Amino acid sequence: MDKFIEYAPIIIVVLGFILQNNIFVKPDTMKDEFAKFEHAMEKKFVLKETHDLAISEMKSDIEEIKDKINRIYDKLMAG
């Protein structure tokens, strides 16, 4: 008990510092910060599924364009 009383002022100062500077995050604060972070990430990045869908649509469009170019080329060469 004597050791506790000896270190009590240091413990009080450390606890005061922790409480004053919000060293530990409270659950509701963490939820709000996570929501902000998630919103920021949605602005910067897309989901992999969305990316894959867009790429597959672009590939099909490119294939269609190539097919049309080949048909035009064939008509020009035949005519």
PDB file of N, CA and C in Angstrom:
ATOM      1  N   MET A   1       0.815  -1.194   0.000  1.00  0.00           N
ATOM      2  CA  MET A   1       0.000   0.000   0.000  1.00  0.00           C
ATOM      3  C   MET A   1       0.859   1.259   0.000  1.00  0.00           C
ATOM      4  N   ASP A   2       2.004   1.172   0.652  1.00  0.00           N
ATOM      5  CA  ASP A   2       2.905   2.328   0.676  1.00  0.00           C
ATOM      6  C   ASP A   2       3.401   2.659  -0.725  1.00  0.00           C
ATOM      7  N   LYS A   3       3.654   1.617  -1.551  1.00  0.00           N
ATOM      8  CA  LYS A   3       4.098   1.843  -2.933  1.00  0.00           C
ATOM      9  C   LYS A   3       3.010   2.555  -3.733  1.00  0.00           C
ATOM     10  N   PHE A   4       1.755   2.148  -3.498  1.00  0.00           N
ATOM     11  CA  PHE A   4       0.641   2.769  -4.215  1.00  0.00           C
ATOM     12  C   PHE A   4       0.562   4.255  -3.893  1.00  0.00           C
ATOM     13  N   ILE A   5       0.677   4.603  -2.622  1.00  0.00           N
ATOM     14  CA  ILE A   5       0.616   6.006  -2.210  1.00  0.00           C
ATOM     15  C   ILE A   5       1.814   6.767  -2.774  1.00  0.00           C
ATOM     16  N   GLU A   6       2.956   6.095  -2.863  1.00  0.00           N
ATOM     17  CA  GLU A   6       4.159   6.734  -3.398  1.00  0.00           C
ATOM     18  C   GLU A   6       3.991   7.070  -4.883  1.00  0.00           C
ATOM     19  N   TYR A   7       3.339   6.174  -5.621  1.00  0.00           N
ATOM     20  CA  TYR A   7       3.172   6.374  -7.072  1.00  0.00           C
ATOM     21  C   TYR A   7       1.829   7.004  -7.442  1.00  0.00           C
ATOM     22  N   ALA A   8       1.002   7.329  -6.498  1.00  0.00           N
ATOM     23  CA  ALA A   8      -0.328   7.879  -6.759  1.00  0.00           C
ATOM     24  C   ALA A   8      -0.272   9.177  -7.576  1.00  0.00           C
ATOM     25  N   PRO A   9       0.595  10.131  -7.268  1.00  0.00           N
ATOM     26  CA  PRO A   9       0.620  11.351  -8.095  1.00  0.00           C
ATOM     27  C   PRO A   9       0.964  11.061  -9.561  1.00  0.00           C
ATOM     28  N   ILE A  10       1.880  10.139  -9.803  1.00  0.00           N
ATOM     29  CA  ILE A  10       2.250   9.787 -11.175  1.00  0.00           C
ATOM     30  C   ILE A  10       1.067   9.135 -11.879  1.00  0.00           C
ATOM     31  N   ILE A  11       0.376   8.252 -11.173  1.00  0.00           N
ATOM     32  CA  ILE A  11      -0.791   7.578 -11.745  1.00  0.00           C
ATOM     33  C   ILE A  11      -1.872   8.599 -12.093  1.00  0.00           C
ATOM     34  N   ILE A  12      -2.095   9.570 -11.220  1.00  0.00           N
ATOM     35  CA  ILE A  12      -3.111  10.593 -11.463  1.00  0.00           C
ATOM     36  C   ILE A  12      -2.734  11.445 -12.676  1.00  0.00           C
ATOM     37  N   VAL A  13      -1.462  11.810 -12.797  1.00  0.00           N
ATOM     38  CA  VAL A  13      -1.018  12.607 -13.933  1.00  0.00           C
ATOM     39  C   VAL A  13      -1.178  11.824 -15.232  1.00  0.00           C
ATOM     40  N   VAL A  14      -0.800  10.551 -15.227  1.00  0.00           N
ATOM     41  CA  VAL A  14      -0.919   9.719 -16.431  1.00  0.00           C
ATOM     42  C   VAL A  14      -2.380   9.558 -16.809  1.00  0.00           C
ATOM     43  N   LEU A  15      -3.256   9.274 -15.866  1.00  0.00           N
ATOM     44  CA  LEU A  15      -4.682   9.153 -16.152  1.00  0.00           C
ATOM     45  C   LEU A  15      -5.260  10.475 -16.664  1.00  0.00           C
ATOM     46  N   GLY A  16      -4.836  11.584 -16.069  1.00  0.00           N
ATOM     47  CA  GLY A  16      -5.304  12.891 -16.540  1.00  0.00           C
ATOM     48  C   GLY A  16      -4.865  13.152 -17.975  1.00  0.00           C
ATOM     49  N   PHE A  17      -3.621  12.799 -18.293  1.00  0.00           N
ATOM     50  CA  PHE A  17      -3.117  12.962 -19.664  1.00  0.00           C
ATOM     51  C   PHE A  17      -3.916  12.116 -20.642  1.00  0.00           C
ATOM     52  N   ILE A  18      -4.179  10.875 -20.258  1.00  0.00           N
ATOM     53  CA  ILE A  18      -4.936   9.958 -21.125  1.00  0.00           C
ATOM     54  C   ILE A  18      -6.353  10.491 -21.363  1.00  0.00           C
ATOM     55  N   LEU A  19      -6.998  10.943 -20.320  1.00  0.00           N
ATOM     56  CA  LEU A  19      -8.365  11.453 -20.468  1.00  0.00           C
ATOM     57  C   LEU A  19      -8.401  12.768 -21.230  1.00  0.00           C
ATOM     58  N   GLN A  20      -7.424  13.637 -20.988  1.00  0.00           N
ATOM     59  CA  GLN A  20      -7.402  14.946 -21.639  1.00  0.00           C
ATOM     60  C   GLN A  20      -7.148  14.834 -23.143  1.00  0.00           C
ATOM     61  N   ASN A  21      -6.288  13.928 -23.550  1.00  0.00           N
ATOM     62  CA  ASN A  21      -5.907  13.816 -24.956  1.00  0.00           C
ATOM     63  C   ASN A  21      -6.658  12.714 -25.701  1.00  0.00           C
ATOM     64  N   ASN A  22      -7.646  12.126 -25.065  1.00  0.00           N
ATOM     65  CA  ASN A  22      -8.466  11.071 -25.688  1.00  0.00           C
ATOM     66  C   ASN A  22      -7.596   9.990 -26.339  1.00  0.00           C
ATOM     67  N   ILE A  23      -6.697   9.448 -25.561  1.00  0.00           N
ATOM     68  CA  ILE A  23      -5.785   8.414 -26.067  1.00  0.00           C
ATOM     69  C   ILE A  23      -6.574   7.172 -26.470  1.00  0.00           C
ATOM     70  N   PHE A  24      -7.528   6.788 -25.673  1.00  0.00           N
ATOM     71  CA  PHE A  24      -8.330   5.605 -25.969  1.00  0.00           C
ATOM     72  C   PHE A  24      -9.628   6.024 -26.643  1.00  0.00           C
ATOM     73  N   VAL A  25     -10.022   5.291 -27.644  1.00  0.00           N
ATOM     74  CA  VAL A  25     -11.206   5.635 -28.431  1.00  0.00           C
ATOM     75  C   VAL A  25     -12.429   4.964 -27.816  1.00  0.00           C
ATOM     76  N   LYS A  26     -13.502   5.727 -27.747  1.00  0.00           N
ATOM     77  CA  LYS A  26     -14.768   5.189 -27.250  1.00  0.00           C
ATOM     78  C   LYS A  26     -15.483   4.505 -28.407  1.00  0.00           C
ATOM     79  N   PRO A  27     -16.313   3.508 -28.134  1.00  0.00           N
ATOM     80  CA  PRO A  27     -16.973   2.768 -29.222  1.00  0.00           C
ATOM     81  C   PRO A  27     -17.808   3.635 -30.162  1.00  0.00           C
ATOM     82  N   ASP A  28     -18.551   4.602 -29.635  1.00  0.00           N
ATOM     83  CA  ASP A  28     -19.366   5.442 -30.514  1.00  0.00           C
ATOM     84  C   ASP A  28     -18.499   6.356 -31.380  1.00  0.00           C
ATOM     85  N   THR A  29     -17.399   6.834 -30.836  1.00  0.00           N
ATOM     86  CA  THR A  29     -16.464   7.641 -31.619  1.00  0.00           C
ATOM     87  C   THR A  29     -15.821   6.789 -32.701  1.00  0.00           C
ATOM     88  N   MET A  30     -15.491   5.556 -32.352  1.00  0.00           N
ATOM     89  CA  MET A  30     -14.870   4.649 -33.319  1.00  0.00           C
ATOM     90  C   MET A  30     -15.831   4.356 -34.470  1.00  0.00           C
ATOM     91  N   LYS A  31     -17.108   4.182 -34.154  1.00  0.00           N
ATOM     92  CA  LYS A  31     -18.104   3.917 -35.189  1.00  0.00           C
ATOM     93  C   LYS A  31     -18.221   5.105 -36.146  1.00  0.00           C
ATOM     94  N   ASP A  32     -18.235   6.322 -35.591  1.00  0.00           N
ATOM     95  CA  ASP A  32     -18.319   7.526 -36.428  1.00  0.00           C
ATOM     96  C   ASP A  32     -17.088   7.674 -37.312  1.00  0.00           C
ATOM     97  N   GLU A  33     -15.919   7.462 -36.736  1.00  0.00           N
ATOM     98  CA  GLU A  33     -14.674   7.576 -37.512  1.00  0.00           C
ATOM     99  C   GLU A  33     -14.617   6.518 -38.607  1.00  0.00           C
ATOM    100  N   PHE A  34     -15.069   5.310 -38.303  1.00  0.00           N
ATOM    101  CA  PHE A  34     -15.073   4.254 -39.305  1.00  0.00           C
ATOM    102  C   PHE A  34     -16.029   4.595 -40.449  1.00  0.00           C
ATOM    103  N   ALA A  35     -17.172   5.191 -40.130  1.00  0.00           N
ATOM    104  CA  ALA A  35     -18.123   5.591 -41.171  1.00  0.00           C
ATOM    105  C   ALA A  35     -17.516   6.663 -42.073  1.00  0.00           C
ATOM    106  N   LYS A  36     -16.807   7.630 -41.481  1.00  0.00           N
ATOM    107  CA  LYS A  36     -16.142   8.660 -42.282  1.00  0.00           C
ATOM    108  C   LYS A  36     -15.074   8.033 -43.183  1.00  0.00           C
ATOM    109  N   PHE A  37     -14.302   7.125 -42.614  1.00  0.00           N
ATOM    110  CA  PHE A  37     -13.246   6.451 -43.377  1.00  0.00           C
ATOM    111  C   PHE A  37     -13.833   5.651 -44.530  1.00  0.00           C
ATOM    112  N   GLU A  38     -14.905   4.919 -44.261  1.00  0.00           N
ATOM    113  CA  GLU A  38     -15.558   4.111 -45.282  1.00  0.00           C
ATOM    114  C   GLU A  38     -16.106   5.001 -46.403  1.00  0.00           C
ATOM    115  N   HIS A  39     -16.677   6.132 -46.057  1.00  0.00           N
ATOM    116  CA  HIS A  39     -17.210   7.063 -47.051  1.00  0.00           C
ATOM    117  C   HIS A  39     -16.083   7.618 -47.924  1.00  0.00           C
ATOM    118  N   ALA A  40     -14.963   7.946 -47.307  1.00  0.00           N
ATOM    119  CA  ALA A  40     -13.818   8.458 -48.063  1.00  0.00           C
ATOM    120  C   ALA A  40     -13.270   7.390 -49.008  1.00  0.00           C
ATOM    121  N   MET A  41     -13.246   6.153 -48.571  1.00  0.00           N
ATOM    122  CA  MET A  41     -12.745   5.070 -49.421  1.00  0.00           C
ATOM    123  C   MET A  41     -13.693   4.801 -50.589  1.00  0.00           C
ATOM    124  N   GLU A  42     -14.997   4.953 -50.370  1.00  0.00           N
ATOM    125  CA  GLU A  42     -15.960   4.760 -51.455  1.00  0.00           C
ATOM    126  C   GLU A  42     -15.787   5.828 -52.534  1.00  0.00           C
ATOM    127  N   LYS A  43     -15.355   7.039 -52.145  1.00  0.00           N
ATOM    128  CA  LYS A  43     -15.120   8.094 -53.124  1.00  0.00           C
ATOM    129  C   LYS A  43     -13.878   7.813 -53.959  1.00  0.00           C
ATOM    130  N   LYS A  44     -12.861   7.196 -53.356  1.00  0.00           N
ATOM    131  CA  LYS A  44     -11.588   7.001 -54.047  1.00  0.00           C
ATOM    132  C   LYS A  44     -11.527   5.700 -54.833  1.00  0.00           C
ATOM    133  N   PHE A  45     -12.146   4.653 -54.339  1.00  0.00           N
ATOM    134  CA  PHE A  45     -11.988   3.333 -54.923  1.00  0.00           C
ATOM    135  C   PHE A  45     -13.335   2.736 -55.310  1.00  0.00           C
ATOM    136  N   VAL A  46     -13.299   1.760 -56.225  1.00  0.00           N
ATOM    137  CA  VAL A  46     -14.515   1.032 -56.588  1.00  0.00           C
ATOM    138  C   VAL A  46     -14.393  -0.404 -56.094  1.00  0.00           C
ATOM    139  N   LEU A  47     -15.518  -1.059 -55.978  1.00  0.00           N
ATOM    140  CA  LEU A  47     -15.512  -2.459 -55.578  1.00  0.00           C
ATOM    141  C   LEU A  47     -14.960  -3.315 -56.713  1.00  0.00           C
ATOM    142  N   LYS A  48     -14.356  -4.426 -56.359  1.00  0.00           N
ATOM    143  CA  LYS A  48     -13.775  -5.318 -57.358  1.00  0.00           C
ATOM    144  C   LYS A  48     -14.847  -5.839 -58.311  1.00  0.00           C
ATOM    145  N   GLU A  49     -16.028  -6.142 -57.793  1.00  0.00           N
ATOM    146  CA  GLU A  49     -17.107  -6.642 -58.642  1.00  0.00           C
ATOM    147  C   GLU A  49     -17.507  -5.591 -59.683  1.00  0.00           C
ATOM    148  N   THR A  50     -17.580  -4.328 -59.264  1.00  0.00           N
ATOM    149  CA  THR A  50     -17.929  -3.247 -60.182  1.00  0.00           C
ATOM    150  C   THR A  50     -16.852  -3.091 -61.247  1.00  0.00           C
ATOM    151  N   HIS A  51     -15.608  -3.168 -60.824  1.00  0.00           N
ATOM    152  CA  HIS A  51     -14.488  -3.060 -61.757  1.00  0.00           C
ATOM    153  C   HIS A  51     -14.520  -4.195 -62.770  1.00  0.00           C
ATOM    154  N   ASP A  52     -14.709  -5.425 -62.288  1.00  0.00           N
ATOM    155  CA  ASP A  52     -14.739  -6.579 -63.190  1.00  0.00           C
ATOM    156  C   ASP A  52     -15.892  -6.485 -64.182  1.00  0.00           C
ATOM    157  N   LEU A  53     -17.041  -6.022 -63.723  1.00  0.00           N
ATOM    158  CA  LEU A  53     -18.193  -5.857 -64.602  1.00  0.00           C
ATOM    159  C   LEU A  53     -17.904  -4.816 -65.682  1.00  0.00           C
ATOM    160  N   ALA A  54     -17.308  -3.704 -65.295  1.00  0.00           N
ATOM    161  CA  ALA A  54     -16.992  -2.654 -66.265  1.00  0.00           C
ATOM    162  C   ALA A  54     -15.974  -3.158 -67.286  1.00  0.00           C
ATOM    163  N   ILE A  55     -14.978  -3.902 -66.831  1.00  0.00           N
ATOM    164  CA  ILE A  55     -13.959  -4.434 -67.736  1.00  0.00           C
ATOM    165  C   ILE A  55     -14.583  -5.428 -68.714  1.00  0.00           C
ATOM    166  N   SER A  56     -15.444  -6.305 -68.224  1.00  0.00           N
ATOM    167  CA  SER A  56     -16.069  -7.280 -69.122  1.00  0.00           C
ATOM    168  C   SER A  56     -16.967  -6.593 -70.144  1.00  0.00           C
ATOM    169  N   GLU A  57     -17.673  -5.538 -69.732  1.00  0.00           N
ATOM    170  CA  GLU A  57     -18.501  -4.786 -70.680  1.00  0.00           C
ATOM    171  C   GLU A  57     -17.636  -4.093 -71.722  1.00  0.00           C
ATOM    172  N   MET A  58     -16.501  -3.542 -71.304  1.00  0.00           N
ATOM    173  CA  MET A  58     -15.603  -2.893 -72.250  1.00  0.00           C
ATOM    174  C   MET A  58     -15.019  -3.900 -73.236  1.00  0.00           C
ATOM    175  N   LYS A  59     -14.692  -5.090 -72.738  1.00  0.00           N
ATOM    176  CA  LYS A  59     -14.156  -6.124 -73.629  1.00  0.00           C
ATOM    177  C   LYS A  59     -15.187  -6.527 -74.675  1.00  0.00           C
ATOM    178  N   SER A  60     -16.439  -6.676 -74.263  1.00  0.00           N
ATOM    179  CA  SER A  60     -17.479  -7.047 -75.228  1.00  0.00           C
ATOM    180  C   SER A  60     -17.699  -5.924 -76.239  1.00  0.00           C
ATOM    181  N   ASP A  61     -17.639  -4.667 -75.777  1.00  0.00           N
ATOM    182  CA  ASP A  61     -17.770  -3.533 -76.701  1.00  0.00           C
ATOM    183  C   ASP A  61     -16.611  -3.504 -77.698  1.00  0.00           C
ATOM    184  N   ILE A  62     -15.408  -3.780 -77.235  1.00  0.00           N
ATOM    185  CA  ILE A  62     -14.238  -3.798 -78.121  1.00  0.00           C
ATOM    186  C   ILE A  62     -14.362  -4.917 -79.144  1.00  0.00           C
ATOM    187  N   GLU A  63     -14.833  -6.076 -78.708  1.00  0.00           N
ATOM    188  CA  GLU A  63     -15.034  -7.184 -79.637  1.00  0.00           C
ATOM    189  C   GLU A  63     -16.065  -6.815 -80.709  1.00  0.00           C
ATOM    190  N   GLU A  64     -17.123  -6.142 -80.299  1.00  0.00           N
ATOM    191  CA  GLU A  64     -18.155  -5.713 -81.243  1.00  0.00           C
ATOM    192  C   GLU A  64     -17.587  -4.711 -82.246  1.00  0.00           C
ATOM    193  N   ILE A  65     -16.778  -3.775 -81.758  1.00  0.00           N
ATOM    194  CA  ILE A  65     -16.140  -2.791 -82.648  1.00  0.00           C
ATOM    195  C   ILE A  65     -15.211  -3.491 -83.630  1.00  0.00           C
ATOM    196  N   LYS A  66     -14.428  -4.450 -83.155  1.00  0.00           N
ATOM    197  CA  LYS A  66     -13.520  -5.191 -84.039  1.00  0.00           C
ATOM    198  C   LYS A  66     -14.302  -5.942 -85.115  1.00  0.00           C
ATOM    199  N   ASP A  67     -15.409  -6.530 -84.718  1.00  0.00           N
ATOM    200  CA  ASP A  67     -16.241  -7.267 -85.668  1.00  0.00           C
ATOM    201  C   ASP A  67     -16.788  -6.328 -86.744  1.00  0.00           C
ATOM    202  N   LYS A  68     -17.264  -5.163 -86.334  1.00  0.00           N
ATOM    203  CA  LYS A  68     -17.789  -4.195 -87.303  1.00  0.00           C
ATOM    204  C   LYS A  68     -16.689  -3.680 -88.224  1.00  0.00           C
ATOM    205  N   ILE A  69     -15.513  -3.425 -87.690  1.00  0.00           N
ATOM    206  CA  ILE A  69     -14.388  -2.983 -88.524  1.00  0.00           C
ATOM    207  C   ILE A  69     -14.020  -4.061 -89.536  1.00  0.00           C
ATOM    208  N   ASN A  70     -14.019  -5.315 -89.093  1.00  0.00           N
ATOM    209  CA  ASN A  70     -13.710  -6.414 -90.017  1.00  0.00           C
ATOM    210  C   ASN A  70     -14.747  -6.511 -91.135  1.00  0.00           C
ATOM    211  N   ARG A  71     -16.026  -6.316 -90.794  1.00  0.00           N
ATOM    212  CA  ARG A  71     -17.070  -6.355 -91.820  1.00  0.00           C
ATOM    213  C   ARG A  71     -16.925  -5.209 -92.816  1.00  0.00           C
ATOM    214  N   ILE A  72     -16.608  -4.014 -92.315  1.00  0.00           N
ATOM    215  CA  ILE A  72     -16.393  -2.866 -93.192  1.00  0.00           C
ATOM    216  C   ILE A  72     -15.196  -3.130 -94.088  1.00  0.00           C
ATOM    217  N   TYR A  73     -14.115  -3.660 -93.537  1.00  0.00           N
ATOM    218  CA  TYR A  73     -12.920  -3.971 -94.304  1.00  0.00           C
ATOM    219  C   TYR A  73     -13.228  -4.994 -95.406  1.00  0.00           C
ATOM    220  N   ASP A  74     -13.984  -6.037 -95.058  1.00  0.00           N
ATOM    221  CA  ASP A  74     -14.351  -7.052 -96.033  1.00  0.00           C
ATOM    222  C   ASP A  74     -15.179  -6.447 -97.164  1.00  0.00           C
ATOM    223  N   LYS A  75     -16.131  -5.555 -96.837  1.00  0.00           N
ATOM    224  CA  LYS A  75     -16.964  -4.926 -97.866  1.00  0.00           C
ATOM    225  C   LYS A  75     -16.117  -4.025 -98.772  1.00  0.00           C
ATOM    226  N   LEU A  76     -15.162  -3.311 -98.186  1.00  0.00           N
ATOM    227  CA  LEU A  76     -14.307  -2.435 -98.985  1.00  0.00           C
ATOM    228  C   LEU A  76     -13.411  -3.239 -99.917  1.00  0.00           C
ATOM    229  N   MET A  77     -12.911  -4.365 -99.444  1.00  0.00           N
ATOM    230  CA  MET A  77     -12.031  -5.194-100.243  1.00  0.00           C
ATOM    231  C   MET A  77     -12.824  -5.932-101.337  1.00  0.00           C
ATOM    232  N   ALA A  78     -14.067  -6.288-101.055  1.00  0.00           N
ATOM    233  CA  ALA A  78     -14.875  -7.000-102.020  1.00  0.00           C
ATOM    234  C   ALA A  78     -15.395  -6.032-103.101  1.00  0.00           C
ATOM    235  N   GLY A  79     -15.616  -4.825-102.744  1.00  0.00           N
ATOM    236  CA  GLY A  79     -16.251  -3.894-103.664  1.00  0.00           C
ATOM    237  C   GLY A  79     -15.281  -3.146-104.454  1.00  0.00           C
TER     238      GLY A  79
END
